[in-house]
Amino acid sequence: MSRSSSRQNSDIVFHTIDDIAERWDSSTRHVRWIIKDGDLPVHRIRNLIRVSDTDLRVYEKICRED
């Protein structure tokens, strides 16, 4: 498990914006645009932004082109 991904309980994994940018080989700015557009749901905990693994996988599946 990466430094910034954390397991809050046995079922939920959260990712940071940096994690997602690295996963997609993109910039953090690109990830922030997707979040700002409301396409990728986030959990905001004060100044922390986290994306659940489930939401990330759903978004990736929706964006997939066959």
Protein backbone atom coordinates (compact mmCIF):
# COMPACT_ATOMS: atom_id res chain seq x y z
CA MET A 1 0.00 0.00 0.00
CA SER A 2 1.39 3.41 -0.92
CA ARG A 3 2.30 6.02 1.64
CA SER A 4 -0.72 8.20 0.88
CA SER A 5 -3.32 5.49 0.43
CA SER A 6 -4.73 4.44 3.74
CA ARG A 7 -7.02 1.73 4.93
CA GLN A 8 -9.62 3.26 7.23
CA ASN A 9 -11.36 -0.06 7.81
CA SER A 10 -11.24 -3.42 6.12
CA ASP A 11 -13.53 -2.30 3.28
CA ILE A 12 -12.54 1.27 2.35
CA VAL A 13 -9.32 2.45 0.70
CA PHE A 14 -8.73 6.13 -0.02
CA HIS A 15 -6.42 7.71 -2.60
CA THR A 16 -4.86 11.16 -2.70
CA ILE A 17 -4.81 13.38 -5.76
CA ASP A 18 -1.11 12.57 -6.13
CA ASP A 19 -1.88 8.83 -6.09
CA ILE A 20 -4.45 9.22 -8.84
CA ALA A 21 -2.22 11.43 -11.00
CA GLU A 22 0.55 8.85 -10.74
CA ARG A 23 -1.86 5.99 -11.49
CA TRP A 24 -3.09 7.78 -14.63
CA ASP A 25 0.34 9.16 -15.60
CA SER A 26 -1.17 12.64 -15.59
CA SER A 27 -0.82 15.89 -13.67
CA THR A 28 -2.44 16.67 -10.36
CA ARG A 29 -4.02 19.67 -12.11
CA HIS A 30 -5.85 17.30 -14.48
CA VAL A 31 -7.20 15.29 -11.53
CA ARG A 32 -8.29 18.49 -9.76
CA TRP A 33 -10.19 19.61 -12.91
CA ILE A 34 -12.09 16.32 -12.96
CA ILE A 35 -12.96 16.76 -9.27
CA LYS A 36 -13.94 20.43 -9.75
CA ASP A 37 -16.25 19.45 -12.65
CA GLY A 38 -18.01 17.08 -10.24
CA ASP A 39 -17.16 13.98 -12.24
CA LEU A 40 -15.14 12.30 -9.48
CA PRO A 41 -16.68 12.34 -5.98
CA VAL A 42 -14.37 13.18 -3.09
CA HIS A 43 -14.30 13.07 0.69
CA ARG A 44 -13.18 16.38 2.22
CA ILE A 45 -11.77 16.23 5.73
CA ARG A 46 -10.84 19.81 6.59
CA ASN A 47 -8.09 20.54 4.04
CA LEU A 48 -7.62 16.90 2.98
CA ILE A 49 -9.14 15.58 -0.23
CA ARG A 50 -9.48 11.84 -0.63
CA VAL A 51 -11.14 9.65 -3.25
CA SER A 52 -12.48 6.25 -2.30
CA ASP A 53 -11.18 3.31 -4.27
CA THR A 54 -14.76 2.39 -5.19
CA ASP A 55 -15.50 5.86 -6.63
CA LEU A 56 -12.20 5.84 -8.52
CA ARG A 57 -12.91 2.45 -10.10
CA VAL A 58 -16.46 3.48 -11.07
CA TYR A 59 -15.13 6.65 -12.72
CA GLU A 60 -12.46 4.70 -14.60
CA LYS A 61 -15.05 2.18 -15.78
CA ILE A 62 -17.38 4.94 -17.02
CA CYS A 63 -14.53 6.58 -18.95
CA ARG A 64 -13.37 3.37 -20.60
CA GLU A 65 -13.62 3.12 -24.35
CA ASP A 66 -13.78 -0.31 -25.91
